[in-house]
Amino acid sequence: MSGTKTGAPDLLEQGTHVFTGTIRVWGSDYAELLTDSGVTIQLVTRGLRPLRDGERVTVVTRRYRPLYQVEEIN
């Protein structure tokens, strides 16, 4: 992982991951997505518009161990 100018490590991995599935839980800072393959992905949602539980979405994420930071919602 690369560091910033302050020397702090970059907590987000390089590259993105795309998941499609159904929102199980959506809070102001945290969500769970049940993917089409049956895996539950934990998401960081801080600053994003709220979504309804049960809503079907595709998300573009960056891995933020052990969570995924949402970069885009379609």
Protein backbone atom coordinates (compact mmCIF):
# COMPACT_ATOMS: atom_id res chain seq x y z
CA MET A 1 0.00 0.00 0.00
CA SER A 2 1.20 3.44 -0.80
CA GLY A 3 1.51 6.21 1.74
CA THR A 4 0.27 9.77 1.54
CA LYS A 5 2.43 12.86 1.97
CA THR A 6 1.90 12.59 5.72
CA GLY A 7 3.27 9.05 5.74
CA ALA A 8 -0.11 7.54 6.67
CA PRO A 9 -0.86 4.29 4.81
CA ASP A 10 -3.53 4.20 2.09
CA LEU A 11 -6.24 2.00 3.62
CA LEU A 12 -8.04 1.48 0.30
CA GLU A 13 -6.66 -1.19 -2.02
CA GLN A 14 -5.96 -0.28 -5.64
CA GLY A 15 -8.59 -1.18 -8.24
CA THR A 16 -12.34 -1.59 -7.96
CA HIS A 17 -14.81 -4.44 -7.46
CA VAL A 18 -18.36 -4.51 -8.88
CA PHE A 19 -21.16 -6.31 -7.03
CA THR A 20 -24.83 -6.73 -7.90
CA GLY A 21 -27.38 -7.78 -5.33
CA THR A 22 -30.00 -6.79 -2.79
CA ILE A 23 -29.56 -4.35 0.12
CA ARG A 24 -30.08 -6.21 3.41
CA VAL A 25 -29.42 -3.29 5.75
CA TRP A 26 -28.58 0.36 4.99
CA GLY A 27 -27.50 2.75 7.74
CA SER A 28 -25.92 6.19 7.71
CA ASP A 29 -22.38 4.75 7.83
CA TYR A 30 -22.71 1.05 7.06
CA ALA A 31 -24.66 -1.34 4.80
CA GLU A 32 -24.84 -5.02 3.92
CA LEU A 33 -25.34 -6.20 0.35
CA LEU A 34 -26.41 -9.78 -0.38
CA THR A 35 -24.78 -10.46 -3.75
CA ASP A 36 -26.33 -12.56 -6.51
CA SER A 37 -23.77 -15.26 -5.68
CA GLY A 38 -25.05 -15.43 -2.07
CA VAL A 39 -22.16 -13.63 -0.37
CA THR A 40 -22.86 -10.78 2.07
CA ILE A 41 -20.60 -7.77 1.48
CA GLN A 42 -20.16 -5.11 4.16
CA LEU A 43 -20.11 -1.57 2.75
CA VAL A 44 -19.03 1.84 4.05
CA THR A 45 -21.87 4.25 3.12
CA ARG A 46 -20.91 7.48 4.90
CA GLY A 47 -22.14 10.49 2.92
CA LEU A 48 -24.28 8.52 0.46
CA ARG A 49 -28.01 8.85 -0.07
CA PRO A 50 -29.99 6.23 1.86
CA LEU A 51 -31.38 3.20 0.03
CA ARG A 52 -34.31 0.99 1.02
CA ASP A 53 -33.72 -2.45 2.47
CA GLY A 54 -34.51 -4.95 -0.28
CA GLU A 55 -33.54 -2.56 -3.10
CA ARG A 56 -31.60 -4.16 -5.96
CA VAL A 57 -28.37 -2.33 -6.87
CA THR A 58 -25.02 -2.62 -8.57
CA VAL A 59 -22.16 -1.02 -6.63
CA VAL A 60 -18.62 -0.17 -7.65
CA THR A 61 -16.38 -0.43 -4.60
CA ARG A 62 -12.80 -0.25 -3.40
CA ARG A 63 -11.69 -2.72 -0.75
CA TYR A 64 -11.26 -1.12 2.66
CA ARG A 65 -10.33 -4.06 4.87
CA PRO A 66 -12.58 -5.78 5.87
CA LEU A 67 -15.20 -3.49 4.33
CA TYR A 68 -15.80 -2.12 0.86
CA GLN A 69 -15.98 1.65 0.26
CA VAL A 70 -18.77 2.45 -2.21
CA GLU A 71 -17.46 4.47 -5.15
CA GLU A 72 -20.59 4.41 -7.35
CA ILE A 73 -24.18 3.11 -7.20
CA ASN A 74 -26.19 2.23 -10.32
